[in-house]
Amino acid sequence: MIKDYEIIKEFTSGGQANTFLAENIYTKQKVVIKEVIISATKDWKTIELFERECKTLQNLNHKAIPRYLDAFHEEKDDKKSLYLVQEYIDGTNLSELIASGKRFTLNEVYTIIKQLLNILDYLHSLVPPLVHRDIKPSNILIVNNKDEIEVNLIDFGTVNKSVVGNLGSSTIVGTIGYMASEQLMGKATPKSDIYSVGAVFLFLLTNIEPSMFPIMDMQIIIKDNQTLKELNNKDLNYFINKLIDVKESKRYPNVKEVLNNLKYLENGISIIPKVKKEIIYPPSTTKPKKWESFLFGSLILFGIMFASYVYLINFNRFSESKLVSITPYWISPIAFGIFGSTTKKENKILTALIRTVIVIGVLIFFMHALFPGF
């Protein structure tokens, strides 16, 4: 007997903690009793986690989380213990089911993960968010109710009310393989739970513990693993990799996004982001045709020869006004040739002609301004 409860059987036992199935002697309600033996605890953290679980469960109200019923302490034969009484859920945890040979279909796995995510959505939506920190198969109870799978989440002794912990004050708890890398630094966030869900998903598909997969730079490698029979589906592969990405920033931002993508997976809709292909437009520049190159080059040469004839050979034969008046005649072919050779437009001749006219027009304007008699 423990207070008003008659022990039916022992679930687990240890040096400092025990778990029992019991029955209230008055209401006949079956309950689960957790006992922490204070004198046997190795450090205060065990008691702290126990008290945290009691306070957490008192404030939770979700059909898939065992209800808090009572908490008390007793001292017998110089042994002082703390007790937590919870609603009893008649189910089997995932770890035991897999160990017994149970194998889930892909649709059943989807159902389990979806219900687990809905529980997390509730926890993470609280203010402040509650981070479970130890989501793993042994903490997920499966209840078979008329061939329908019902998921329950247990063991809230590791729940962290702080969105970002502090290494000096946070308790580093979790299970290797199901624990996100940031938890090793005492910084558990809602995305840490998302990582754990991905690890559970991987375990259910492969029946292999995540810690047994190849790891590179703390990242579980699953892409080329031949044991993943279901992961011939690229979208499913993408989904799991995004859940268990070692970089917190690359995981799904929240549970709702995960549920949304899971819905697409169930309906056969691709969730892989479409990469926009770079459209290479044809260059706006076009190489001049051979005859155009010959034309532009000839005009430049003609202009230079004309200018040389006037200014180098017959400079003294022309008056100042005559030299000014013939300037546009040698500048025009040179300008046209240069513009035609350097333009990036499709119609090179027209473009060169327009630019040449503009240049000559500006030249004549200044010639009239400088030489009024021109």
Protein backbone atom coordinates (compact mmCIF):
# COMPACT_ATOMS: atom_id res chain seq x y z
CA MET A 1 0.00 0.00 0.00
CA ILE A 2 1.06 3.55 -0.77
CA LYS A 3 -1.29 6.01 0.87
CA ASP A 4 -4.75 5.24 -0.65
CA TYR A 5 -3.40 3.07 -3.44
CA GLU A 6 -2.95 -0.68 -3.60
CA ILE A 7 0.01 -1.81 -5.71
CA ILE A 8 -0.94 -4.20 -8.52
CA LYS A 9 2.45 -4.65 -10.14
CA GLU A 10 5.80 -2.99 -10.61
CA PHE A 11 6.53 -1.54 -14.05
CA THR A 12 10.11 -0.43 -13.52
CA SER A 13 12.51 -0.37 -10.62
CA GLY A 14 15.83 1.25 -9.96
CA GLY A 15 18.09 2.36 -7.19
CA GLN A 16 16.42 5.73 -6.79
CA ALA A 17 13.11 5.53 -8.69
CA ASN A 18 10.30 3.05 -9.23
CA THR A 19 7.08 2.96 -11.25
CA PHE A 20 3.99 0.98 -10.25
CA LEU A 21 0.55 0.11 -11.55
CA ALA A 22 -1.87 0.67 -8.66
CA GLU A 23 -5.54 1.01 -7.86
CA ASN A 24 -7.29 3.59 -5.74
CA ILE A 25 -8.88 1.60 -2.91
CA TYR A 26 -11.91 3.91 -2.87
CA THR A 27 -12.62 4.69 -6.54
CA LYS A 28 -11.06 1.51 -7.98
CA GLN A 29 -9.43 3.68 -10.62
CA LYS A 30 -6.20 2.29 -11.99
CA VAL A 31 -3.29 4.69 -11.79
CA VAL A 32 0.44 4.90 -12.41
CA ILE A 33 2.55 5.85 -9.42
CA LYS A 34 6.07 7.17 -9.78
CA GLU A 35 8.27 6.97 -6.70
CA VAL A 36 11.53 8.81 -6.12
CA ILE A 37 13.45 7.67 -3.06
CA ILE A 38 15.10 10.78 -1.68
CA SER A 39 17.77 8.97 0.32
CA ALA A 40 18.82 7.00 -2.78
CA THR A 41 19.11 9.93 -5.17
CA LYS A 42 22.63 10.65 -6.32
CA ASP A 43 22.05 14.34 -6.90
CA TRP A 44 19.42 17.00 -6.51
CA LYS A 45 18.67 17.03 -10.26
CA THR A 46 16.59 13.86 -9.95
CA ILE A 47 14.31 15.50 -7.41
CA GLU A 48 14.24 18.69 -9.47
CA LEU A 49 13.09 16.78 -12.57
CA PHE A 50 10.46 14.95 -10.54
CA GLU A 51 9.06 18.17 -9.09
CA ARG A 52 9.14 19.74 -12.54
CA GLU A 53 7.06 16.88 -13.93
CA CYS A 54 4.49 17.26 -11.15
CA LYS A 55 4.08 20.98 -11.74
CA THR A 56 3.98 20.53 -15.51
CA LEU A 57 1.31 17.84 -15.51
CA GLN A 58 -0.93 19.88 -13.20
CA ASN A 59 -1.21 22.54 -15.90
CA LEU A 60 -1.67 20.31 -18.91
CA ASN A 61 -5.01 19.38 -20.39
CA HIS A 62 -4.76 17.17 -23.46
CA LYS A 63 -6.47 13.89 -24.17
CA ALA A 64 -3.20 12.27 -25.29
CA ILE A 65 -1.28 13.21 -22.13
CA PRO A 66 -1.92 11.23 -18.91
CA ARG A 67 -3.76 13.40 -16.38
CA TYR A 68 -2.18 14.48 -13.14
CA LEU A 69 -4.10 13.08 -10.16
CA ASP A 70 -2.04 13.58 -7.04
CA ALA A 71 1.41 14.19 -5.58
CA PHE A 72 2.59 13.58 -2.03
CA HIS A 73 5.46 12.32 0.10
CA GLU A 74 5.69 9.55 2.67
CA GLU A 75 8.27 8.32 5.13
CA LYS A 76 8.42 4.64 6.11
CA ASP A 77 11.19 2.83 7.91
CA ASP A 78 13.52 5.80 7.61
CA LYS A 79 12.88 5.86 3.84
CA LYS A 80 11.44 9.14 2.59
CA SER A 81 9.92 9.10 -0.89
CA LEU A 82 8.15 11.46 -3.27
CA TYR A 83 5.16 10.18 -5.25
CA LEU A 84 3.39 11.27 -8.42
CA VAL A 85 0.02 9.74 -9.31
CA GLN A 86 -1.14 9.82 -12.93
CA GLU A 87 -3.94 8.49 -15.02
CA TYR A 88 -3.20 4.97 -16.26
CA ILE A 89 -3.14 4.53 -20.03
CA ASP A 90 -3.59 0.92 -21.10
CA GLY A 91 -1.15 0.81 -23.96
CA THR A 92 2.25 -0.41 -25.12
CA ASN A 93 5.16 1.84 -25.93
CA LEU A 94 6.64 1.86 -29.42
CA SER A 95 9.96 0.45 -28.31
CA GLU A 96 8.32 -2.66 -26.87
CA LEU A 97 6.08 -3.07 -29.92
CA ILE A 98 9.01 -3.01 -32.33
CA ALA A 99 11.01 -5.35 -30.09
CA SER A 100 8.08 -7.82 -30.13
CA GLY A 101 8.20 -7.91 -33.93
CA LYS A 102 5.50 -5.38 -34.71
CA ARG A 103 5.97 -3.62 -38.06
CA PHE A 104 3.93 -0.61 -39.09
CA THR A 105 2.82 0.21 -42.62
CA LEU A 106 3.73 3.59 -44.07
CA ASN A 107 0.17 4.85 -43.51
CA GLU A 108 0.28 3.69 -39.89
CA VAL A 109 3.58 5.50 -39.42
CA TYR A 110 1.99 8.63 -40.85
CA THR A 111 -0.87 8.28 -38.35
CA ILE A 112 1.49 7.89 -35.40
CA ILE A 113 3.67 10.83 -36.40
CA LYS A 114 0.67 13.03 -37.11
CA GLN A 115 -0.82 12.41 -33.66
CA LEU A 116 2.54 12.95 -32.01
CA LEU A 117 2.91 16.26 -33.84
CA ASN A 118 -0.55 17.34 -32.71
CA ILE A 119 0.49 16.78 -29.10
CA LEU A 120 3.63 18.84 -29.68
CA ASP A 121 1.60 21.56 -31.35
CA TYR A 122 -0.37 21.85 -28.11
CA LEU A 123 2.76 21.91 -25.94
CA HIS A 124 4.61 24.41 -28.11
CA SER A 125 1.60 26.74 -28.31
CA LEU A 126 1.56 27.22 -24.54
CA VAL A 127 3.01 30.41 -23.07
CA PRO A 128 5.85 29.89 -22.53
CA PRO A 129 6.25 26.92 -24.89
CA LEU A 130 6.86 23.54 -23.29
CA VAL A 131 9.71 21.56 -24.81
CA HIS A 132 9.51 17.85 -23.97
CA ARG A 133 13.21 17.14 -24.65
CA ASP A 134 12.94 13.36 -24.54
CA ILE A 135 10.63 12.20 -27.32
CA LYS A 136 11.56 8.61 -28.09
CA PRO A 137 9.76 5.31 -28.79
CA SER A 138 9.66 4.26 -25.13
CA ASN A 139 7.85 7.49 -24.21
CA ILE A 140 5.17 7.03 -26.88
CA LEU A 141 2.29 4.79 -25.86
CA ILE A 142 0.14 3.15 -28.52
CA VAL A 143 -3.45 2.28 -27.65
CA ASN A 144 -5.36 0.10 -30.08
CA ASN A 145 -8.98 1.16 -30.04
CA LYS A 146 -11.19 -0.65 -32.56
CA ASP A 147 -8.35 -0.99 -35.05
CA GLU A 148 -7.55 2.71 -34.72
CA ILE A 149 -4.14 3.75 -33.46
CA GLU A 150 -4.15 6.20 -30.55
CA VAL A 151 -0.92 7.88 -29.49
CA ASN A 152 -0.15 9.10 -25.98
CA LEU A 153 2.97 10.96 -24.87
CA ILE A 154 4.40 10.24 -21.42
CA ASP A 155 7.35 11.10 -19.17
CA PHE A 156 7.34 14.85 -18.67
CA GLY A 157 10.17 14.80 -16.17
CA THR A 158 12.44 16.41 -18.72
CA VAL A 159 10.08 19.14 -19.89
CA ASN A 160 11.80 22.48 -20.19
CA LYS A 161 9.78 25.66 -19.86
CA SER A 162 12.65 27.76 -21.13
CA VAL A 163 12.73 28.21 -24.89
CA VAL A 164 16.50 28.59 -24.78
CA GLY A 165 18.32 27.13 -21.80
CA ASN A 166 21.59 28.03 -20.21
CA LEU A 167 24.41 25.56 -19.88
CA GLY A 168 25.06 26.72 -16.36
CA SER A 169 21.48 26.21 -15.20
CA SER A 170 19.83 23.79 -17.61
CA THR A 171 19.84 20.07 -17.12
CA ILE A 172 21.16 18.29 -20.18
CA VAL A 173 18.71 15.46 -20.69
CA GLY A 174 17.68 13.39 -23.66
CA THR A 175 18.44 10.13 -25.39
CA ILE A 176 21.33 9.61 -27.79
CA GLY A 177 20.00 9.23 -31.32
CA TYR A 178 16.79 11.10 -30.54
CA MET A 179 18.42 14.18 -29.05
CA ALA A 180 19.19 17.25 -31.16
CA SER A 181 22.76 18.56 -31.06
CA GLU A 182 21.77 21.84 -29.38
CA GLN A 183 20.54 19.87 -26.36
CA LEU A 184 24.12 18.83 -25.69
CA MET A 185 24.73 22.51 -24.96
CA GLY A 186 21.71 22.70 -22.67
CA LYS A 187 19.73 24.70 -25.23
CA ALA A 188 16.52 22.84 -26.01
CA THR A 189 13.98 24.62 -28.22
CA PRO A 190 10.71 23.53 -29.91
CA LYS A 191 12.85 22.60 -32.92
CA SER A 192 14.65 20.09 -30.69
CA ASP A 193 11.36 18.20 -30.31
CA ILE A 194 10.89 18.37 -34.09
CA TYR A 195 14.29 16.70 -34.48
CA SER A 196 13.21 13.94 -32.09
CA VAL A 197 10.03 13.33 -34.09
CA GLY A 198 12.16 12.90 -37.19
CA ALA A 199 14.33 10.36 -35.38
CA VAL A 200 11.22 8.44 -34.25
CA PHE A 201 9.94 8.52 -37.84
CA LEU A 202 13.25 7.09 -39.05
CA PHE A 203 13.12 4.34 -36.41
CA LEU A 204 9.57 3.34 -37.34
CA LEU A 205 10.43 3.07 -41.03
CA THR A 206 13.62 1.10 -40.57
CA ASN A 207 13.39 -0.59 -37.15
CA ILE A 208 16.94 0.66 -36.65
CA GLU A 209 17.94 2.97 -33.82
CA PRO A 210 19.02 6.38 -35.21
CA SER A 211 22.30 6.11 -33.31
CA MET A 212 23.17 3.07 -35.47
CA PHE A 213 23.14 5.04 -38.73
CA PRO A 214 26.32 6.49 -40.25
CA ILE A 215 27.04 9.95 -38.90
CA MET A 216 29.11 12.71 -40.47
CA ASP A 217 29.66 16.01 -38.65
CA MET A 218 26.90 14.98 -36.21
CA GLN A 219 24.46 14.54 -39.11
CA ILE A 220 22.64 11.22 -39.55
CA ILE A 221 23.27 9.99 -43.11
CA ILE A 222 20.30 8.22 -44.64
CA LYS A 223 20.41 9.13 -48.33
CA ASP A 224 22.22 6.06 -49.62
CA ASN A 225 21.25 3.61 -46.89
CA GLN A 226 19.82 0.48 -48.52
CA THR A 227 17.82 -0.51 -45.44
CA LEU A 228 15.35 2.30 -46.02
CA LYS A 229 12.80 0.44 -48.10
CA GLU A 230 10.33 3.31 -47.99
CA LEU A 231 12.87 5.98 -48.85
CA ASN A 232 12.84 5.29 -52.55
CA ASN A 233 10.38 8.16 -52.33
CA LYS A 234 12.47 11.34 -52.71
CA ASP A 235 9.84 13.44 -50.98
CA LEU A 236 9.85 11.19 -47.92
CA ASN A 237 13.62 11.31 -47.89
CA TYR A 238 13.52 15.12 -48.07
CA PHE A 239 10.93 15.24 -45.27
CA ILE A 240 12.99 13.19 -42.82
CA ASN A 241 16.24 14.98 -43.65
CA LYS A 242 14.58 18.33 -42.98
CA LEU A 243 13.31 17.04 -39.63
CA ILE A 244 16.69 15.75 -38.45
CA ASP A 245 18.99 18.36 -39.94
CA VAL A 246 21.83 18.90 -37.49
CA LYS A 247 21.54 22.65 -38.14
CA GLU A 248 18.58 23.94 -36.18
CA SER A 249 18.06 26.79 -38.67
CA LYS A 250 17.49 24.32 -41.52
CA ARG A 251 14.77 22.32 -39.78
CA TYR A 252 11.08 23.02 -40.11
CA PRO A 253 10.32 26.31 -38.32
CA ASN A 254 7.38 24.90 -36.35
CA VAL A 255 5.08 21.90 -35.95
CA LYS A 256 2.36 23.37 -38.18
CA GLU A 257 4.78 23.42 -41.13
CA VAL A 258 5.64 19.78 -40.46
CA LEU A 259 1.96 18.80 -40.34
CA ASN A 260 1.34 20.68 -43.57
CA ASN A 261 4.10 18.80 -45.41
CA LEU A 262 2.99 15.51 -43.87
CA LYS A 263 -0.47 16.09 -45.31
CA TYR A 264 1.07 16.56 -48.75
CA LEU A 265 3.06 13.34 -48.35
CA GLU A 266 -0.08 11.40 -47.47
CA ASN A 267 -1.77 12.68 -50.59
CA GLY A 268 1.18 12.00 -52.88
CA ILE A 269 1.94 15.67 -53.45
CA SER A 270 5.60 16.59 -53.84
CA ILE A 271 7.08 18.73 -51.05
CA ILE A 272 10.52 19.22 -52.58
CA PRO A 273 10.96 22.91 -53.41
CA LYS A 274 11.20 23.50 -57.11
CA VAL A 275 14.52 25.04 -58.01
CA LYS A 276 14.08 27.78 -60.53
CA LYS A 277 16.23 27.04 -63.52
CA GLU A 278 18.43 29.91 -64.55
CA ILE A 279 17.16 31.23 -67.84
CA ILE A 280 20.05 32.20 -70.07
CA TYR A 281 18.82 34.82 -72.44
CA PRO A 282 20.62 35.33 -75.74
CA PRO A 283 23.05 38.22 -75.44
CA SER A 284 21.77 41.55 -76.61
CA THR A 285 24.99 42.05 -78.48
CA THR A 286 25.38 40.57 -81.92
CA LYS A 287 28.59 40.28 -83.83
CA PRO A 288 28.67 42.46 -86.94
CA LYS A 289 28.45 40.67 -90.24
CA LYS A 290 31.60 40.54 -92.32
CA TRP A 291 30.39 43.17 -94.79
CA GLU A 292 29.40 45.44 -91.89
CA SER A 293 32.83 45.08 -90.34
CA PHE A 294 34.39 45.91 -93.70
CA LEU A 295 32.10 48.94 -94.11
CA PHE A 296 32.79 50.35 -90.64
CA GLY A 297 36.52 49.74 -90.91
CA SER A 298 36.66 51.34 -94.40
CA LEU A 299 34.80 54.45 -93.22
CA ILE A 300 37.15 54.90 -90.26
CA LEU A 301 40.15 54.52 -92.58
CA PHE A 302 38.63 56.94 -95.12
CA GLY A 303 38.01 59.55 -92.43
CA ILE A 304 41.54 59.26 -91.13
CA MET A 305 43.02 59.50 -94.66
CA PHE A 306 40.85 62.53 -95.47
CA ALA A 307 41.91 64.28 -92.25
CA SER A 308 45.56 63.44 -92.93
CA TYR A 309 45.31 64.82 -96.50
CA VAL A 310 43.88 68.09 -95.23
CA TYR A 311 45.93 68.69 -92.09
CA LEU A 312 49.23 67.05 -92.93
CA ILE A 313 49.66 67.46 -96.67
CA ASN A 314 47.60 70.51 -97.70
CA PHE A 315 47.18 72.37 -94.43
CA ASN A 316 48.69 75.62 -95.82
CA ARG A 317 46.46 75.58 -98.90
CA PHE A 318 43.25 75.97 -96.91
CA SER A 319 42.06 79.04 -95.12
CA GLU A 320 40.99 78.87 -91.49
CA SER A 321 37.30 79.08 -92.38
CA LYS A 322 37.74 76.34 -94.99
CA LEU A 323 39.41 74.05 -92.49
CA VAL A 324 36.51 74.57 -90.09
CA SER A 325 33.88 73.98 -92.75
CA ILE A 326 35.32 70.65 -93.91
CA THR A 327 35.66 69.26 -90.34
CA PRO A 328 32.25 67.49 -90.37
CA TYR A 329 33.24 65.72 -93.63
CA TRP A 330 36.07 63.73 -92.07
CA ILE A 331 34.57 63.37 -88.59
CA SER A 332 31.34 61.86 -89.97
CA PRO A 333 32.84 58.67 -91.49
CA ILE A 334 35.11 58.15 -88.49
CA ALA A 335 32.21 58.56 -86.03
CA PHE A 336 29.94 56.31 -88.10
CA GLY A 337 32.61 53.61 -88.30
CA ILE A 338 33.37 53.74 -84.57
CA PHE A 339 29.69 53.70 -83.52
CA GLY A 340 28.96 50.84 -85.90
CA SER A 341 31.86 48.74 -84.61
CA THR A 342 31.12 49.28 -80.90
CA THR A 343 27.31 49.31 -80.72
CA LYS A 344 25.53 46.40 -78.95
CA LYS A 345 22.26 46.95 -80.73
CA GLU A 346 20.79 44.55 -83.27
CA ASN A 347 20.53 47.10 -86.09
CA LYS A 348 24.07 48.43 -86.09
CA ILE A 349 23.89 50.64 -89.21
CA LEU A 350 20.76 52.51 -88.09
CA THR A 351 22.12 52.93 -84.56
CA ALA A 352 25.47 54.18 -85.85
CA LEU A 353 23.73 56.59 -88.24
CA ILE A 354 21.54 58.09 -85.51
CA ARG A 355 24.48 58.56 -83.15
CA THR A 356 26.61 60.05 -85.91
CA VAL A 357 23.90 62.57 -86.82
CA ILE A 358 23.65 63.59 -83.18
CA VAL A 359 27.41 64.04 -82.89
CA ILE A 360 27.64 66.06 -86.12
CA GLY A 361 24.66 68.14 -85.06
CA VAL A 362 26.32 69.01 -81.76
CA LEU A 363 29.60 69.72 -83.59
CA ILE A 364 27.95 72.12 -86.07
CA PHE A 365 26.15 73.89 -83.20
CA PHE A 366 29.43 74.62 -81.43
CA MET A 367 31.14 75.57 -84.72
CA HIS A 368 28.45 78.20 -85.29
CA ALA A 369 28.90 79.44 -81.74
CA LEU A 370 32.68 79.67 -81.99
CA PHE A 371 32.87 80.85 -85.59
CA PRO A 372 29.88 83.12 -86.28
CA GLY A 373 30.86 83.49 -89.91
CA PHE A 374 30.77 79.72 -90.54
